[in-house]
Amino acid sequence: MKTDDYIDTTGDVVQGDVIHYSEAVFEGSHRRPRFAGDRTIHARVIKESYGAATGQHTFILEVIDSVGTDAIK
């Protein structure tokens, strides 16, 4: 997907939305992690829920595309 395919919006993320985000990737053990690089993930929100007791949103995502270090297939 190209960056041109996206529209910057504000508000809630809901089921059916396509999102993209970047994250740091680490390798090695949890005691001695080493930064390996970054990856960008494009995903569709399959399900979202809100836990009122914890005030936490939870999302189930379907990965459409992933680029960068250790990309998700």
Protein backbone atom coordinates (compact mmCIF):
# COMPACT_ATOMS: atom_id res chain seq x y z
CA MET A 1 0.00 0.00 0.00
CA LYS A 2 1.15 3.49 -0.73
CA THR A 3 1.03 6.36 1.75
CA ASP A 4 -1.34 8.12 -0.69
CA ASP A 5 -3.95 5.44 0.09
CA TYR A 6 -4.43 6.79 3.62
CA ILE A 7 -6.45 9.62 5.06
CA ASP A 8 -5.36 11.22 8.34
CA THR A 9 -8.32 11.17 10.71
CA THR A 10 -9.02 11.72 14.37
CA GLY A 11 -11.40 9.85 16.61
CA ASP A 12 -12.08 6.25 17.47
CA VAL A 13 -10.62 3.24 15.68
CA VAL A 14 -13.47 0.89 14.81
CA GLN A 15 -13.99 -2.47 13.15
CA GLY A 16 -13.24 -2.29 9.42
CA ASP A 17 -10.70 0.54 9.66
CA VAL A 18 -7.33 0.06 7.96
CA ILE A 19 -4.48 1.35 10.09
CA HIS A 20 -0.72 1.58 9.73
CA TYR A 21 1.88 1.93 12.42
CA SER A 22 5.61 1.53 12.95
CA GLU A 23 7.32 -0.38 15.72
CA ALA A 24 10.84 -1.13 16.89
CA VAL A 25 12.08 -4.70 16.40
CA PHE A 26 14.49 -6.29 18.89
CA GLU A 27 16.41 -9.56 18.80
CA GLY A 28 18.28 -11.57 21.38
CA SER A 29 17.07 -12.51 24.83
CA HIS A 30 14.73 -10.48 27.01
CA ARG A 31 17.66 -9.88 29.35
CA ARG A 32 19.96 -8.53 26.63
CA PRO A 33 17.81 -7.24 23.77
CA ARG A 34 19.48 -5.68 20.74
CA PHE A 35 17.76 -3.19 18.46
CA ALA A 36 17.43 -4.82 15.03
CA GLY A 37 15.50 -2.10 13.17
CA ASP A 38 11.99 -0.84 12.49
CA ARG A 39 9.02 -2.25 10.62
CA THR A 40 5.79 -0.72 9.39
CA ILE A 41 2.58 -2.73 9.52
CA HIS A 42 -0.61 -2.13 7.54
CA ALA A 43 -3.58 -3.93 9.12
CA ARG A 44 -7.37 -4.11 9.11
CA VAL A 45 -9.24 -3.98 12.43
CA ILE A 46 -11.22 -7.23 12.62
CA LYS A 47 -12.61 -6.72 16.12
CA GLU A 48 -12.34 -4.07 18.81
CA SER A 49 -13.52 -4.02 22.40
CA TYR A 50 -13.28 -1.79 25.42
CA GLY A 51 -12.80 -3.05 28.97
CA ALA A 52 -14.54 -0.53 31.20
CA ALA A 53 -12.97 -1.98 34.35
CA THR A 54 -9.42 -1.40 33.07
CA GLY A 55 -10.13 1.45 30.66
CA GLN A 56 -8.27 -0.44 27.95
CA HIS A 57 -9.05 -0.92 24.26
CA THR A 58 -8.21 -4.27 22.67
CA PHE A 59 -7.93 -4.83 18.91
CA ILE A 60 -7.70 -7.93 16.76
CA LEU A 61 -5.84 -7.08 13.56
CA GLU A 62 -5.43 -8.80 10.21
CA VAL A 63 -2.03 -7.92 8.75
CA ILE A 64 -2.35 -6.75 5.14
CA ASP A 65 1.28 -5.86 4.54
CA SER A 66 4.48 -5.46 6.51
CA VAL A 67 7.81 -3.95 5.47
CA GLY A 68 11.11 -3.51 7.26
CA THR A 69 13.08 -5.62 9.69
CA ASP A 70 11.67 -9.12 10.26
CA ALA A 71 8.52 -8.28 8.25
CA ILE A 72 5.39 -10.28 9.08
CA LYS A 73 4.41 -12.63 6.24
